[in-house]
Amino acid sequence: MLQNLKFLQSTPQLLQPPTSAAPLPQLHSTCFPILKQFKISRRELTICSNSSLLLLLGSQALESKAKAEESSPNDNQQKEENVATPNPNCSNKVPTKRAFLDIAIDGEPVGRIVIGLYGDDVPVGAARFGSIVSGAAGISYRRKEFVKIMPNYVQHGGLRSYGVDAELAKRSGSNLAVEKLREEWEREYEKCPGVKNLAGTVSILVRDPSKPPPKLKLVARKGKLEIDEEEIGTDPNGTEFVISIMDSPELDASALVIGQVLDGMEVVKRIGQVKTVQENTASPYFRVAKLIGDKRAVVAERSFNRPYAKVVINNCGLMD
């Protein structure tokens, strides 16, 4: 039992709810008769203290809600203004160079694709693609295949980071690192809102679009637990590219737009009509095999959406 008179004289001030424009519920009536006495139990004191705390939190919640309602119209107006005024540099990109790809399906020529490169807007990506197409990098897309055909886009396999391709690139001093391409992709991703991989655009892959997002895990470093990202699989080397048949927002998080098809879109659509290996990820056998880490599931997954026919770039180069 508490018998401190000074404490009891200060208690009513603590129990009174703060002044607010909104009406607040009154304290339970059992708290006030107790104040007239000089004896109060810990249980009753705890009940009264909890009631005053709830009233204080309620008043703060009402005030914050009122402020949010006052500021929300201004925030919505600012968002509408931002959406209504897109960056003109994103929609008015002008090609500075032209490149061509001569395509053959199972040895039969089907036509030429002419691509305009955005040298002023994405100089790193346009220079990388142009140097490989022209052969200035010591390696080229000639005789290289398209490896994946999706409903919205077609994907070229690019160059290998090992073997003959890597040796030729090393001799010419070319660097197949993808770091600068990622920096340019991050800058363009923040600068240009909305869908970037529109129909007819050409993009370099800076990340595998079928690769799952990194997993978060706890790692002990120097006696402290830190959250780290665990990457699964390997990223592209900056030479694989895709051509969008239709708008492909699924590529925005993994591909840097470097140009657009100026002529030969019918050839791209012809590639998109080639029959491919059917995707079978819904099979329970495949799911179990992938879950237990069976290598056969990994090999099978790589073959999904691959064309049965051999789609090759017979010749390529710069036109200007």
C-alpha atoms as a PDB file:
ATOM      1  CA  MET A   1       0.000   0.000   0.000  1.00  0.00           C
ATOM      2  CA  LEU A   2       1.218   3.486  -0.890  1.00  0.00           C
ATOM      3  CA  GLN A   3       0.752   6.395   1.506  1.00  0.00           C
ATOM      4  CA  ASN A   4       2.775   9.172  -0.042  1.00  0.00           C
ATOM      5  CA  LEU A   5       0.558  12.274  -0.066  1.00  0.00           C
ATOM      6  CA  LYS A   6       2.758  14.194  -2.526  1.00  0.00           C
ATOM      7  CA  PHE A   7       2.513  11.386  -5.059  1.00  0.00           C
ATOM      8  CA  LEU A   8      -1.274  11.250  -4.737  1.00  0.00           C
ATOM      9  CA  GLN A   9      -1.558  15.015  -5.233  1.00  0.00           C
ATOM     10  CA  SER A  10       0.336  14.775  -8.523  1.00  0.00           C
ATOM     11  CA  THR A  11      -1.535  11.703  -9.745  1.00  0.00           C
ATOM     12  CA  PRO A  12      -4.692  13.530 -11.009  1.00  0.00           C
ATOM     13  CA  GLN A  13      -2.516  15.616 -13.338  1.00  0.00           C
ATOM     14  CA  LEU A  14      -1.106  12.455 -14.887  1.00  0.00           C
ATOM     15  CA  LEU A  15      -4.536  10.907 -15.260  1.00  0.00           C
ATOM     16  CA  GLN A  16      -6.099  13.879 -16.995  1.00  0.00           C
ATOM     17  CA  PRO A  17      -6.180  13.353 -20.831  1.00  0.00           C
ATOM     18  CA  PRO A  18      -4.330  15.912 -22.966  1.00  0.00           C
ATOM     19  CA  THR A  19      -6.369  18.687 -24.554  1.00  0.00           C
ATOM     20  CA  SER A  20      -7.419  17.908 -28.114  1.00  0.00           C
ATOM     21  CA  ALA A  21      -9.996  19.134 -30.579  1.00  0.00           C
ATOM     22  CA  ALA A  22     -11.430  15.635 -30.939  1.00  0.00           C
ATOM     23  CA  PRO A  23     -13.650  14.354 -28.074  1.00  0.00           C
ATOM     24  CA  LEU A  24     -11.885  11.765 -25.954  1.00  0.00           C
ATOM     25  CA  PRO A  25     -13.435   9.037 -23.827  1.00  0.00           C
ATOM     26  CA  GLN A  26     -13.534   9.714 -20.064  1.00  0.00           C
ATOM     27  CA  LEU A  27     -11.613   7.725 -17.501  1.00  0.00           C
ATOM     28  CA  HIS A  28     -13.324   4.840 -15.833  1.00  0.00           C
ATOM     29  CA  SER A  29     -15.226   5.963 -12.780  1.00  0.00           C
ATOM     30  CA  THR A  30     -13.385   3.556 -10.487  1.00  0.00           C
ATOM     31  CA  CYS A  31     -10.239   5.690 -10.702  1.00  0.00           C
ATOM     32  CA  PHE A  32     -11.653   8.892  -9.122  1.00  0.00           C
ATOM     33  CA  PRO A  33     -13.052   7.505  -5.815  1.00  0.00           C
ATOM     34  CA  ILE A  34      -9.633   6.016  -5.219  1.00  0.00           C
ATOM     35  CA  LEU A  35      -8.043   9.471  -5.402  1.00  0.00           C
ATOM     36  CA  LYS A  36     -10.110  10.636  -2.430  1.00  0.00           C
ATOM     37  CA  GLN A  37      -8.465   8.062  -0.236  1.00  0.00           C
ATOM     38  CA  PHE A  38      -4.907   7.894   0.899  1.00  0.00           C
ATOM     39  CA  LYS A  39      -4.657   4.171   0.294  1.00  0.00           C
ATOM     40  CA  ILE A  40      -4.385   2.704  -3.224  1.00  0.00           C
ATOM     41  CA  SER A  41      -3.476  -0.769  -4.341  1.00  0.00           C
ATOM     42  CA  ARG A  42      -0.902  -1.518  -7.022  1.00  0.00           C
ATOM     43  CA  ARG A  43      -3.568  -3.219  -9.153  1.00  0.00           C
ATOM     44  CA  GLU A  44      -5.832  -0.152  -9.098  1.00  0.00           C
ATOM     45  CA  LEU A  45      -2.902   2.147  -9.795  1.00  0.00           C
ATOM     46  CA  THR A  46      -1.873  -0.002 -12.760  1.00  0.00           C
ATOM     47  CA  ILE A  47      -5.415   0.058 -14.200  1.00  0.00           C
ATOM     48  CA  CYS A  48      -5.610   3.835 -13.940  1.00  0.00           C
ATOM     49  CA  SER A  49      -2.118   4.303 -15.428  1.00  0.00           C
ATOM     50  CA  ASN A  50      -2.947   2.053 -18.390  1.00  0.00           C
ATOM     51  CA  SER A  51      -6.149   4.010 -18.990  1.00  0.00           C
ATOM     52  CA  SER A  52      -4.289   7.330 -19.089  1.00  0.00           C
ATOM     53  CA  LEU A  53      -1.676   5.830 -21.431  1.00  0.00           C
ATOM     54  CA  LEU A  54      -4.364   4.620 -23.819  1.00  0.00           C
ATOM     55  CA  LEU A  55      -5.969   8.060 -23.810  1.00  0.00           C
ATOM     56  CA  LEU A  56      -2.616   9.666 -24.598  1.00  0.00           C
ATOM     57  CA  LEU A  57      -1.931   7.272 -27.487  1.00  0.00           C
ATOM     58  CA  GLY A  58      -5.459   7.776 -28.803  1.00  0.00           C
ATOM     59  CA  SER A  59      -5.090  11.547 -28.847  1.00  0.00           C
ATOM     60  CA  GLN A  60      -1.760  11.278 -30.684  1.00  0.00           C
ATOM     61  CA  ALA A  61      -3.303   8.941 -33.236  1.00  0.00           C
ATOM     62  CA  LEU A  62      -6.166  11.365 -33.874  1.00  0.00           C
ATOM     63  CA  GLU A  63      -3.761  14.272 -34.319  1.00  0.00           C
ATOM     64  CA  SER A  64      -1.508  12.352 -36.725  1.00  0.00           C
ATOM     65  CA  LYS A  65      -4.542  11.218 -38.738  1.00  0.00           C
ATOM     66  CA  ALA A  66      -5.784  14.789 -39.021  1.00  0.00           C
ATOM     67  CA  LYS A  67      -2.356  15.972 -40.209  1.00  0.00           C
ATOM     68  CA  ALA A  68      -2.186  13.131 -42.751  1.00  0.00           C
ATOM     69  CA  GLU A  69      -5.601  14.058 -44.142  1.00  0.00           C
ATOM     70  CA  GLU A  70      -4.482  17.679 -44.493  1.00  0.00           C
ATOM     71  CA  SER A  71      -1.244  16.787 -46.293  1.00  0.00           C
ATOM     72  CA  SER A  72      -2.584  13.954 -48.498  1.00  0.00           C
ATOM     73  CA  PRO A  73      -4.265  16.198 -51.130  1.00  0.00           C
ATOM     74  CA  ASN A  74      -0.963  18.032 -51.660  1.00  0.00           C
ATOM     75  CA  ASP A  75       0.972  14.752 -51.958  1.00  0.00           C
ATOM     76  CA  ASN A  76      -1.544  13.352 -54.456  1.00  0.00           C
ATOM     77  CA  GLN A  77      -1.337  16.543 -56.474  1.00  0.00           C
ATOM     78  CA  GLN A  78       2.443  16.348 -56.574  1.00  0.00           C
ATOM     79  CA  LYS A  79       2.299  12.695 -57.692  1.00  0.00           C
ATOM     80  CA  GLU A  80      -0.159  13.565 -60.452  1.00  0.00           C
ATOM     81  CA  GLU A  81       2.119  16.370 -61.607  1.00  0.00           C
ATOM     82  CA  ASN A  82       5.105  14.006 -61.699  1.00  0.00           C
ATOM     83  CA  VAL A  83       3.163  11.431 -63.721  1.00  0.00           C
ATOM     84  CA  ALA A  84       1.753  14.080 -66.029  1.00  0.00           C
ATOM     85  CA  THR A  85       5.208  15.502 -66.816  1.00  0.00           C
ATOM     86  CA  PRO A  86       7.476  12.610 -67.877  1.00  0.00           C
ATOM     87  CA  ASN A  87      11.138  13.172 -68.633  1.00  0.00           C
ATOM     88  CA  PRO A  88      11.366  14.267 -72.298  1.00  0.00           C
ATOM     89  CA  ASN A  89      14.800  12.623 -72.627  1.00  0.00           C
ATOM     90  CA  CYS A  90      13.190   9.190 -72.124  1.00  0.00           C
ATOM     91  CA  SER A  91      10.585   9.354 -74.885  1.00  0.00           C
ATOM     92  CA  ASN A  92      12.556  11.373 -77.458  1.00  0.00           C
ATOM     93  CA  LYS A  93      15.729   9.325 -77.796  1.00  0.00           C
ATOM     94  CA  VAL A  94      17.409   9.774 -81.163  1.00  0.00           C
ATOM     95  CA  PRO A  95      19.563   7.008 -82.740  1.00  0.00           C
ATOM     96  CA  THR A  96      23.116   8.097 -83.483  1.00  0.00           C
ATOM     97  CA  LYS A  97      24.331   4.925 -85.239  1.00  0.00           C
ATOM     98  CA  ARG A  98      22.777   2.093 -87.205  1.00  0.00           C
ATOM     99  CA  ALA A  99      23.683  -1.578 -86.963  1.00  0.00           C
ATOM    100  CA  PHE A 100      22.420  -4.562 -88.961  1.00  0.00           C
ATOM    101  CA  LEU A 101      21.889  -8.262 -88.241  1.00  0.00           C
ATOM    102  CA  ASP A 102      21.379 -10.751 -91.073  1.00  0.00           C
ATOM    103  CA  ILE A 103      19.304 -13.667 -89.742  1.00  0.00           C
ATOM    104  CA  ALA A 104      19.097 -17.272 -90.946  1.00  0.00           C
ATOM    105  CA  ILE A 105      16.838 -20.056 -89.651  1.00  0.00           C
ATOM    106  CA  ASP A 106      18.191 -23.564 -90.238  1.00  0.00           C
ATOM    107  CA  GLY A 107      20.573 -22.166 -92.853  1.00  0.00           C
ATOM    108  CA  GLU A 108      17.858 -20.287 -94.778  1.00  0.00           C
ATOM    109  CA  PRO A 109      18.217 -16.462 -94.836  1.00  0.00           C
ATOM    110  CA  VAL A 110      15.051 -14.755 -93.622  1.00  0.00           C
ATOM    111  CA  GLY A 111      16.009 -11.085 -93.751  1.00  0.00           C
ATOM    112  CA  ARG A 112      17.872  -8.196 -92.136  1.00  0.00           C
ATOM    113  CA  ILE A 113      17.192  -6.336 -88.878  1.00  0.00           C
ATOM    114  CA  VAL A 114      18.350  -2.691 -88.766  1.00  0.00           C
ATOM    115  CA  ILE A 115      18.877  -1.298 -85.266  1.00  0.00           C
ATOM    116  CA  GLY A 116      19.308   2.354 -84.253  1.00  0.00           C
ATOM    117  CA  LEU A 117      21.650   2.805 -81.253  1.00  0.00           C
ATOM    118  CA  TYR A 118      21.150   5.544 -78.621  1.00  0.00           C
ATOM    119  CA  GLY A 119      24.775   6.683 -78.445  1.00  0.00           C
ATOM    120  CA  ASP A 120      24.018   9.983 -76.664  1.00  0.00           C
ATOM    121  CA  ASP A 121      21.636   8.580 -74.028  1.00  0.00           C
ATOM    122  CA  VAL A 122      23.325   5.260 -73.172  1.00  0.00           C
ATOM    123  CA  PRO A 123      26.914   5.655 -74.428  1.00  0.00           C
ATOM    124  CA  VAL A 124      28.346   2.645 -72.568  1.00  0.00           C
ATOM    125  CA  GLY A 125      25.696   0.185 -73.763  1.00  0.00           C
ATOM    126  CA  ALA A 126      25.621   1.517 -77.330  1.00  0.00           C
ATOM    127  CA  ALA A 127      29.433   1.408 -77.558  1.00  0.00           C
ATOM    128  CA  ARG A 128      29.516  -2.175 -76.211  1.00  0.00           C
ATOM    129  CA  PHE A 129      26.935  -3.397 -78.741  1.00  0.00           C
ATOM    130  CA  GLY A 130      28.475  -1.445 -81.638  1.00  0.00           C
ATOM    131  CA  SER A 131      32.000  -2.720 -80.983  1.00  0.00           C
ATOM    132  CA  ILE A 132      30.827  -6.350 -80.924  1.00  0.00           C
ATOM    133  CA  VAL A 133      28.625  -5.996 -83.997  1.00  0.00           C
ATOM    134  CA  SER A 134      31.429  -4.368 -85.997  1.00  0.00           C
ATOM    135  CA  GLY A 135      34.085  -6.784 -84.762  1.00  0.00           C
ATOM    136  CA  ALA A 136      36.192  -3.967 -83.293  1.00  0.00           C
ATOM    137  CA  ALA A 137      36.201  -5.774 -79.951  1.00  0.00           C
ATOM    138  CA  GLY A 138      38.043  -8.710 -81.552  1.00  0.00           C
ATOM    139  CA  ILE A 139      34.891 -10.833 -81.304  1.00  0.00           C
ATOM    140  CA  SER A 140      31.545 -10.649 -83.037  1.00  0.00           C
ATOM    141  CA  TYR A 141      27.969 -11.915 -83.018  1.00  0.00           C
ATOM    142  CA  ARG A 142      28.576 -13.704 -86.326  1.00  0.00           C
ATOM    143  CA  ARG A 143      27.533 -17.372 -86.262  1.00  0.00           C
ATOM    144  CA  LYS A 144      26.094 -16.938 -82.749  1.00  0.00           C
ATOM    145  CA  GLU A 145      22.583 -18.216 -81.979  1.00  0.00           C
ATOM    146  CA  PHE A 146      19.357 -16.995 -80.428  1.00  0.00           C
ATOM    147  CA  VAL A 147      18.917 -19.202 -77.368  1.00  0.00           C
ATOM    148  CA  LYS A 148      15.487 -18.290 -75.999  1.00  0.00           C
ATOM    149  CA  ILE A 149      12.169 -17.350 -77.587  1.00  0.00           C
ATOM    150  CA  MET A 150       9.523 -15.972 -75.252  1.00  0.00           C
ATOM    151  CA  PRO A 151       6.024 -14.695 -76.121  1.00  0.00           C
ATOM    152  CA  ASN A 152       7.118 -11.055 -75.664  1.00  0.00           C
ATOM    153  CA  TYR A 153      10.769 -11.118 -76.748  1.00  0.00           C
ATOM    154  CA  VAL A 154      13.614 -13.095 -78.325  1.00  0.00           C
ATOM    155  CA  GLN A 155      16.995 -13.490 -76.607  1.00  0.00           C
ATOM    156  CA  HIS A 156      20.408 -13.877 -78.176  1.00  0.00           C
ATOM    157  CA  GLY A 157      23.018 -15.964 -76.376  1.00  0.00           C
ATOM    158  CA  GLY A 158      25.797 -13.408 -76.756  1.00  0.00           C
ATOM    159  CA  LEU A 159      29.452 -14.334 -76.282  1.00  0.00           C
ATOM    160  CA  ARG A 160      31.010 -16.762 -73.849  1.00  0.00           C
ATOM    161  CA  SER A 161      33.129 -15.604 -70.930  1.00  0.00           C
ATOM    162  CA  TYR A 162      35.481 -18.539 -71.464  1.00  0.00           C
ATOM    163  CA  GLY A 163      37.129 -20.403 -74.332  1.00  0.00           C
ATOM    164  CA  VAL A 164      37.785 -18.851 -77.727  1.00  0.00           C
ATOM    165  CA  ASP A 165      35.543 -15.796 -77.219  1.00  0.00           C
ATOM    166  CA  ALA A 166      37.266 -14.808 -73.989  1.00  0.00           C
ATOM    167  CA  GLU A 167      40.728 -15.379 -75.521  1.00  0.00           C
ATOM    168  CA  LEU A 168      39.954 -13.193 -78.548  1.00  0.00           C
ATOM    169  CA  ALA A 169      38.548 -10.447 -76.333  1.00  0.00           C
ATOM    170  CA  LYS A 170      41.673 -10.567 -74.172  1.00  0.00           C
ATOM    171  CA  ARG A 171      43.961 -10.225 -77.190  1.00  0.00           C
ATOM    172  CA  SER A 172      42.140  -7.108 -78.384  1.00  0.00           C
ATOM    173  CA  GLY A 173      42.055  -5.600 -74.891  1.00  0.00           C
ATOM    174  CA  SER A 174      38.249  -5.727 -74.675  1.00  0.00           C
ATOM    175  CA  ASN A 175      36.643  -6.004 -71.271  1.00  0.00           C
ATOM    176  CA  LEU A 176      33.525  -8.152 -70.905  1.00  0.00           C
ATOM    177  CA  ALA A 177      32.802  -6.853 -67.376  1.00  0.00           C
ATOM    178  CA  VAL A 178      29.226  -5.766 -66.783  1.00  0.00           C
ATOM    179  CA  GLU A 179      29.756  -3.275 -63.927  1.00  0.00           C
ATOM    180  CA  LYS A 180      29.609  -0.099 -66.064  1.00  0.00           C
ATOM    181  CA  LEU A 181      26.516  -1.396 -67.830  1.00  0.00           C
ATOM    182  CA  ARG A 182      24.814  -1.882 -64.450  1.00  0.00           C
ATOM    183  CA  GLU A 183      25.654   1.663 -63.411  1.00  0.00           C
ATOM    184  CA  GLU A 184      24.151   2.989 -66.637  1.00  0.00           C
ATOM    185  CA  TRP A 185      21.085   0.766 -66.197  1.00  0.00           C
ATOM    186  CA  GLU A 186      20.558   2.079 -62.634  1.00  0.00           C
ATOM    187  CA  ARG A 187      20.759   5.661 -63.862  1.00  0.00           C
ATOM    188  CA  GLU A 188      18.281   5.069 -66.681  1.00  0.00           C
ATOM    189  CA  TYR A 189      15.948   3.077 -64.397  1.00  0.00           C
ATOM    190  CA  GLU A 190      15.667   5.976 -61.950  1.00  0.00           C
ATOM    191  CA  LYS A 191      15.454   8.668 -64.626  1.00  0.00           C
ATOM    192  CA  CYS A 192      12.798   7.087 -66.865  1.00  0.00           C
ATOM    193  CA  PRO A 193       9.549   5.937 -65.211  1.00  0.00           C
ATOM    194  CA  GLY A 194       7.113   3.476 -66.761  1.00  0.00           C
ATOM    195  CA  VAL A 195       7.755   0.572 -69.133  1.00  0.00           C
ATOM    196  CA  LYS A 196      11.158   0.851 -70.802  1.00  0.00           C
ATOM    197  CA  ASN A 197      11.295  -2.320 -72.926  1.00  0.00           C
ATOM    198  CA  LEU A 198       8.596  -1.376 -75.404  1.00  0.00           C
ATOM    199  CA  ALA A 199       7.816  -3.247 -78.596  1.00  0.00           C
ATOM    200  CA  GLY A 200      10.743  -2.950 -81.011  1.00  0.00           C
ATOM    201  CA  THR A 201      13.370  -1.976 -78.429  1.00  0.00           C
ATOM    202  CA  VAL A 202      16.785  -3.665 -78.219  1.00  0.00           C
ATOM    203  CA  SER A 203      18.341  -4.194 -74.788  1.00  0.00           C
ATOM    204  CA  ILE A 204      21.516  -5.672 -73.275  1.00  0.00           C
ATOM    205  CA  LEU A 205      20.963  -8.002 -70.350  1.00  0.00           C
ATOM    206  CA  VAL A 206      22.730  -6.910 -67.158  1.00  0.00           C
ATOM    207  CA  ARG A 207      20.951  -9.560 -65.092  1.00  0.00           C
ATOM    208  CA  ASP A 208      19.319 -12.888 -65.950  1.00  0.00           C
ATOM    209  CA  PRO A 209      15.520 -12.199 -66.190  1.00  0.00           C
ATOM    210  CA  SER A 210      14.733 -15.783 -65.115  1.00  0.00           C
ATOM    211  CA  LYS A 211      17.079 -15.597 -62.148  1.00  0.00           C
ATOM    212  CA  PRO A 212      15.287 -15.478 -58.774  1.00  0.00           C
ATOM    213  CA  PRO A 213      15.849 -12.420 -56.562  1.00  0.00           C
ATOM    214  CA  PRO A 214      18.681 -12.648 -54.030  1.00  0.00           C
ATOM    215  CA  LYS A 215      17.883 -14.394 -50.765  1.00  0.00           C
ATOM    216  CA  LEU A 216      18.347 -12.532 -47.487  1.00  0.00           C
ATOM    217  CA  LYS A 217      20.338 -14.337 -44.812  1.00  0.00           C
ATOM    218  CA  LEU A 218      21.890 -13.525 -41.433  1.00  0.00           C
ATOM    219  CA  VAL A 219      25.696 -13.493 -41.402  1.00  0.00           C
ATOM    220  CA  ALA A 220      27.943 -13.105 -38.343  1.00  0.00           C
ATOM    221  CA  ARG A 221      30.693 -10.529 -38.970  1.00  0.00           C
ATOM    222  CA  LYS A 222      33.040  -9.275 -36.244  1.00  0.00           C
ATOM    223  CA  GLY A 223      30.735 -10.441 -33.500  1.00  0.00           C
ATOM    224  CA  LYS A 224      27.629  -8.821 -35.037  1.00  0.00           C
ATOM    225  CA  LEU A 225      24.725 -10.248 -37.002  1.00  0.00           C
ATOM    226  CA  GLU A 226      24.229  -8.559 -40.381  1.00  0.00           C
ATOM    227  CA  ILE A 227      21.732  -9.117 -43.190  1.00  0.00           C
ATOM    228  CA  ASP A 228      23.421 -10.167 -46.421  1.00  0.00           C
ATOM    229  CA  GLU A 229      22.114 -11.020 -49.915  1.00  0.00           C
ATOM    230  CA  GLU A 230      22.898 -14.429 -51.347  1.00  0.00           C
ATOM    231  CA  GLU A 231      23.008 -14.433 -55.132  1.00  0.00           C
ATOM    232  CA  ILE A 232      21.873 -17.593 -56.915  1.00  0.00           C
ATOM    233  CA  GLY A 233      23.499 -18.476 -60.230  1.00  0.00           C
ATOM    234  CA  THR A 234      25.656 -16.246 -62.413  1.00  0.00           C
ATOM    235  CA  ASP A 235      24.827 -12.980 -64.148  1.00  0.00           C
ATOM    236  CA  PRO A 236      25.263 -12.343 -67.905  1.00  0.00           C
ATOM    237  CA  ASN A 237      28.561 -10.930 -69.155  1.00  0.00           C
ATOM    238  CA  GLY A 238      27.038  -7.904 -70.884  1.00  0.00           C
ATOM    239  CA  THR A 239      26.921  -9.371 -74.399  1.00  0.00           C
ATOM    240  CA  GLU A 240      23.514 -11.092 -74.368  1.00  0.00           C
ATOM    241  CA  PHE A 241      20.749  -8.964 -75.865  1.00  0.00           C
ATOM    242  CA  VAL A 242      16.994  -9.146 -76.350  1.00  0.00           C
ATOM    243  CA  ILE A 243      14.619  -7.717 -78.943  1.00  0.00           C
ATOM    244  CA  SER A 244      11.076  -7.052 -77.719  1.00  0.00           C
ATOM    245  CA  ILE A 245       8.248  -8.259 -79.945  1.00  0.00           C
ATOM    246  CA  MET A 246       5.674  -6.669 -77.626  1.00  0.00           C
ATOM    247  CA  ASP A 247       5.918  -4.472 -74.537  1.00  0.00           C
ATOM    248  CA  SER A 248       7.998  -6.430 -72.013  1.00  0.00           C
ATOM    249  CA  PRO A 249       7.848  -4.839 -68.541  1.00  0.00           C
ATOM    250  CA  GLU A 250       9.294  -8.052 -67.087  1.00  0.00           C
ATOM    251  CA  LEU A 251      12.644  -7.059 -68.652  1.00  0.00           C
ATOM    252  CA  ASP A 252      12.844  -3.608 -67.049  1.00  0.00           C
ATOM    253  CA  ALA A 253      14.579  -4.954 -63.939  1.00  0.00           C
ATOM    254  CA  SER A 254      17.249  -6.826 -65.900  1.00  0.00           C
ATOM    255  CA  ALA A 255      17.864  -5.163 -69.297  1.00  0.00           C
ATOM    256  CA  LEU A 256      19.362  -1.847 -70.439  1.00  0.00           C
ATOM    257  CA  VAL A 257      17.612  -0.380 -73.492  1.00  0.00           C
ATOM    258  CA  ILE A 258      20.296   0.638 -76.025  1.00  0.00           C
ATOM    259  CA  GLY A 259      18.289   1.129 -79.237  1.00  0.00           C
ATOM    260  CA  GLN A 260      15.272   0.286 -81.339  1.00  0.00           C
ATOM    261  CA  VAL A 261      14.460  -1.655 -84.487  1.00  0.00           C
ATOM    262  CA  LEU A 262      14.286   0.763 -87.426  1.00  0.00           C
ATOM    263  CA  ASP A 263      13.618  -1.858 -90.091  1.00  0.00           C
ATOM    264  CA  GLY A 264      13.009  -5.609 -90.193  1.00  0.00           C
ATOM    265  CA  MET A 265      10.466  -6.023 -87.404  1.00  0.00           C
ATOM    266  CA  GLU A 266       8.838  -8.722 -89.510  1.00  0.00           C
ATOM    267  CA  VAL A 267      12.083 -10.723 -89.200  1.00  0.00           C
ATOM    268  CA  VAL A 268      11.912 -10.447 -85.411  1.00  0.00           C
ATOM    269  CA  LYS A 269       8.323 -11.719 -85.469  1.00  0.00           C
ATOM    270  CA  ARG A 270       9.431 -14.571 -87.731  1.00  0.00           C
ATOM    271  CA  ILE A 271      11.970 -15.594 -85.094  1.00  0.00           C
ATOM    272  CA  GLY A 272       9.234 -15.426 -82.469  1.00  0.00           C
ATOM    273  CA  GLN A 273       7.178 -17.984 -84.427  1.00  0.00           C
ATOM    274  CA  VAL A 274       9.864 -20.691 -84.259  1.00  0.00           C
ATOM    275  CA  LYS A 275       8.766 -23.686 -82.182  1.00  0.00           C
ATOM    276  CA  THR A 276      10.481 -24.046 -78.821  1.00  0.00           C
ATOM    277  CA  VAL A 277      10.934 -26.594 -76.042  1.00  0.00           C
ATOM    278  CA  GLN A 278       7.813 -26.512 -73.905  1.00  0.00           C
ATOM    279  CA  GLU A 279       8.229 -25.169 -70.402  1.00  0.00           C
ATOM    280  CA  ASN A 280       7.358 -27.825 -67.839  1.00  0.00           C
ATOM    281  CA  THR A 281       7.887 -26.109 -64.489  1.00  0.00           C
ATOM    282  CA  ALA A 282       4.400 -27.167 -63.303  1.00  0.00           C
ATOM    283  CA  SER A 283       5.343 -30.849 -63.336  1.00  0.00           C
ATOM    284  CA  PRO A 284       5.525 -32.325 -59.799  1.00  0.00           C
ATOM    285  CA  TYR A 285       8.554 -34.400 -60.836  1.00  0.00           C
ATOM    286  CA  PHE A 286      10.422 -31.250 -61.929  1.00  0.00           C
ATOM    287  CA  ARG A 287       9.502 -29.406 -58.716  1.00  0.00           C
ATOM    288  CA  VAL A 288      10.742 -32.230 -56.514  1.00  0.00           C
ATOM    289  CA  ALA A 289      13.952 -32.611 -58.532  1.00  0.00           C
ATOM    290  CA  LYS A 290      14.675 -28.879 -58.293  1.00  0.00           C
ATOM    291  CA  LEU A 291      13.842 -28.849 -54.588  1.00  0.00           C
ATOM    292  CA  ILE A 292      16.381 -31.551 -53.781  1.00  0.00           C
ATOM    293  CA  GLY A 293      19.003 -29.962 -56.058  1.00  0.00           C
ATOM    294  CA  ASP A 294      18.991 -32.569 -58.822  1.00  0.00           C
ATOM    295  CA  LYS A 295      21.330 -31.393 -61.616  1.00  0.00           C
ATOM    296  CA  ARG A 296      19.003 -32.871 -64.221  1.00  0.00           C
ATOM    297  CA  ALA A 297      16.364 -30.309 -63.216  1.00  0.00           C
ATOM    298  CA  VAL A 298      18.878 -27.500 -63.774  1.00  0.00           C
ATOM    299  CA  VAL A 299      19.759 -28.829 -67.235  1.00  0.00           C
ATOM    300  CA  ALA A 300      16.077 -29.235 -68.116  1.00  0.00           C
ATOM    301  CA  GLU A 301      15.308 -25.684 -66.984  1.00  0.00           C
ATOM    302  CA  ARG A 302      18.019 -24.278 -69.235  1.00  0.00           C
ATOM    303  CA  SER A 303      16.419 -25.951 -72.242  1.00  0.00           C
ATOM    304  CA  PHE A 304      12.975 -24.432 -71.649  1.00  0.00           C
ATOM    305  CA  ASN A 305      11.885 -22.041 -74.431  1.00  0.00           C
ATOM    306  CA  ARG A 306      14.920 -22.883 -76.573  1.00  0.00           C
ATOM    307  CA  PRO A 307      14.152 -23.015 -80.303  1.00  0.00           C
ATOM    308  CA  TYR A 308      14.146 -26.383 -82.054  1.00  0.00           C
ATOM    309  CA  ALA A 309      15.487 -24.692 -85.209  1.00  0.00           C
ATOM    310  CA  LYS A 310      18.912 -23.066 -85.354  1.00  0.00           C
ATOM    311  CA  VAL A 311      18.405 -19.267 -85.441  1.00  0.00           C
ATOM    312  CA  VAL A 312      21.787 -17.690 -86.278  1.00  0.00           C
ATOM    313  CA  ILE A 313      23.209 -14.260 -87.110  1.00  0.00           C
ATOM    314  CA  ASN A 314      24.906 -14.882 -90.461  1.00  0.00           C
ATOM    315  CA  ASN A 315      26.449 -11.424 -90.703  1.00  0.00           C
ATOM    316  CA  CYS A 316      26.422  -8.172 -88.729  1.00  0.00           C
ATOM    317  CA  GLY A 317      28.069  -4.767 -88.702  1.00  0.00           C
ATOM    318  CA  LEU A 318      27.619  -0.984 -88.524  1.00  0.00           C
ATOM    319  CA  MET A 319      25.997   0.887 -91.409  1.00  0.00           C
ATOM    320  CA  ASP A 320      27.140   4.418 -90.580  1.00  0.00           C
END
